[in-house]
Structure formats: C-alpha cells, structure tokens
Amino acid sequence: MPIVLMLNVALVYLVLCGVAGFFGRKRRVGFWGFFFLSILVTPVITMLLIFFAGTPKKHRPRVAARRG
C-alpha cells in the first residue's frame, strides 16, 4: 500500500474522530474524551453512542451557599 494512501486514510480517520468529538463537546466527557474514544473504538460507533445518549442536560450555574 503506498504511503500517500495510508496517510490519506489516517487523515480521514482523524477528521472523523474530530467530528465525533465536536458532536460530543457539550457532554460530560467533552470533546477530547469523545475524540480519544473514537480513536480507540471507531468514529461511527462513537457517533452512534452520542446519538442514542440523547440530548445533553443544560448546566445549572452554581449558587454560592449563604452563610449567616
């Protein structure tokens, strides 16, 4: 297999991993967690996991405890 083809396949794979990370950026694990998960598993399985996990919960702002 020519080296140029192998580099192109690796580049496409990493771009797909980045897309999976982008879709998971508002989740608990975040962009980098889903990016590395998609490298380990596959981007397709990671995107399916993100899709079936549902919508992310909105973050509530923390309110400082009142001392009195």
C-alpha atoms as a PDB file:
ATOM      1  CA  MET A   1       0.000   0.000   0.000  1.00  0.00           C
ATOM      2  CA  PRO A   2       1.543   3.323  -0.981  1.00  0.00           C
ATOM      3  CA  ILE A   3       2.478   5.667   1.855  1.00  0.00           C
ATOM      4  CA  VAL A   4       0.388   8.511   0.404  1.00  0.00           C
ATOM      5  CA  LEU A   5      -2.754   6.380   0.507  1.00  0.00           C
ATOM      6  CA  MET A   6      -2.046   5.318   4.093  1.00  0.00           C
ATOM      7  CA  LEU A   7      -1.579   8.945   5.146  1.00  0.00           C
ATOM      8  CA  ASN A   8      -4.836   9.947   3.439  1.00  0.00           C
ATOM      9  CA  VAL A   9      -6.741   7.161   5.191  1.00  0.00           C
ATOM     10  CA  ALA A  10      -5.248   8.185   8.547  1.00  0.00           C
ATOM     11  CA  LEU A  11      -6.134  11.828   7.916  1.00  0.00           C
ATOM     12  CA  VAL A  12      -9.746  10.985   7.030  1.00  0.00           C
ATOM     13  CA  TYR A  13      -9.992   8.781  10.150  1.00  0.00           C
ATOM     14  CA  LEU A  14      -8.708  11.592  12.388  1.00  0.00           C
ATOM     15  CA  VAL A  15     -11.092  14.096  10.795  1.00  0.00           C
ATOM     16  CA  LEU A  16     -13.994  11.730  11.515  1.00  0.00           C
ATOM     17  CA  CYS A  17     -12.732  11.411  15.093  1.00  0.00           C
ATOM     18  CA  GLY A  18     -12.769  15.200  15.293  1.00  0.00           C
ATOM     19  CA  VAL A  19     -16.345  15.273  14.027  1.00  0.00           C
ATOM     20  CA  ALA A  20     -17.348  12.785  16.723  1.00  0.00           C
ATOM     21  CA  GLY A  21     -15.592  14.923  19.318  1.00  0.00           C
ATOM     22  CA  PHE A  22     -17.385  18.011  18.016  1.00  0.00           C
ATOM     23  CA  PHE A  23     -20.779  16.367  18.427  1.00  0.00           C
ATOM     24  CA  GLY A  24     -19.894  15.273  21.951  1.00  0.00           C
ATOM     25  CA  ARG A  25     -18.394  18.575  23.076  1.00  0.00           C
ATOM     26  CA  LYS A  26     -21.353  19.520  25.307  1.00  0.00           C
ATOM     27  CA  ARG A  27     -21.469  16.175  27.077  1.00  0.00           C
ATOM     28  CA  ARG A  28     -19.863  15.252  30.367  1.00  0.00           C
ATOM     29  CA  VAL A  29     -16.829  13.683  28.699  1.00  0.00           C
ATOM     30  CA  GLY A  30     -16.374  16.628  26.344  1.00  0.00           C
ATOM     31  CA  PHE A  31     -14.591  16.987  23.034  1.00  0.00           C
ATOM     32  CA  TRP A  32     -11.302  15.321  23.967  1.00  0.00           C
ATOM     33  CA  GLY A  33     -12.974  12.381  25.699  1.00  0.00           C
ATOM     34  CA  PHE A  34     -15.074  11.526  22.671  1.00  0.00           C
ATOM     35  CA  PHE A  35     -12.170  12.245  20.337  1.00  0.00           C
ATOM     36  CA  PHE A  36      -9.939   9.695  22.062  1.00  0.00           C
ATOM     37  CA  LEU A  37     -12.827   7.242  22.447  1.00  0.00           C
ATOM     38  CA  SER A  38     -13.456   7.398  18.713  1.00  0.00           C
ATOM     39  CA  ILE A  39      -9.762   6.739  18.055  1.00  0.00           C
ATOM     40  CA  LEU A  40      -9.938   3.637  20.265  1.00  0.00           C
ATOM     41  CA  VAL A  41     -13.279   2.327  19.021  1.00  0.00           C
ATOM     42  CA  THR A  42     -14.351   3.911  15.715  1.00  0.00           C
ATOM     43  CA  PRO A  43     -15.873   7.286  14.916  1.00  0.00           C
ATOM     44  CA  VAL A  44     -19.067   5.646  13.654  1.00  0.00           C
ATOM     45  CA  ILE A  45     -19.690   3.746  16.905  1.00  0.00           C
ATOM     46  CA  THR A  46     -18.856   6.837  18.949  1.00  0.00           C
ATOM     47  CA  MET A  47     -21.312   8.964  16.951  1.00  0.00           C
ATOM     48  CA  LEU A  48     -23.997   6.308  17.426  1.00  0.00           C
ATOM     49  CA  LEU A  49     -23.289   6.358  21.159  1.00  0.00           C
ATOM     50  CA  ILE A  50     -23.640  10.141  21.218  1.00  0.00           C
ATOM     51  CA  PHE A  51     -26.833   9.981  19.167  1.00  0.00           C
ATOM     52  CA  PHE A  52     -28.528   7.354  21.350  1.00  0.00           C
ATOM     53  CA  ALA A  53     -27.427   9.010  24.593  1.00  0.00           C
ATOM     54  CA  GLY A  54     -29.975  11.776  23.996  1.00  0.00           C
ATOM     55  CA  THR A  55     -29.671  15.490  24.386  1.00  0.00           C
ATOM     56  CA  PRO A  56     -27.171  16.868  26.866  1.00  0.00           C
ATOM     57  CA  LYS A  57     -28.507  18.356  30.071  1.00  0.00           C
ATOM     58  CA  LYS A  58     -28.083  22.072  30.474  1.00  0.00           C
ATOM     59  CA  HIS A  59     -25.601  23.126  33.084  1.00  0.00           C
ATOM     60  CA  ARG A  60     -27.014  24.920  36.059  1.00  0.00           C
ATOM     61  CA  PRO A  61     -24.970  27.802  37.372  1.00  0.00           C
ATOM     62  CA  ARG A  62     -23.602  27.139  40.813  1.00  0.00           C
ATOM     63  CA  VAL A  63     -25.035  29.273  43.545  1.00  0.00           C
ATOM     64  CA  ALA A  64     -22.773  30.041  46.486  1.00  0.00           C
ATOM     65  CA  ALA A  65     -24.066  28.792  49.784  1.00  0.00           C
ATOM     66  CA  ARG A  66     -25.316  31.557  52.025  1.00  0.00           C
ATOM     67  CA  ARG A  67     -23.623  31.817  55.352  1.00  0.00           C
ATOM     68  CA  GLY A  68     -25.422  33.580  58.025  1.00  0.00           C
END
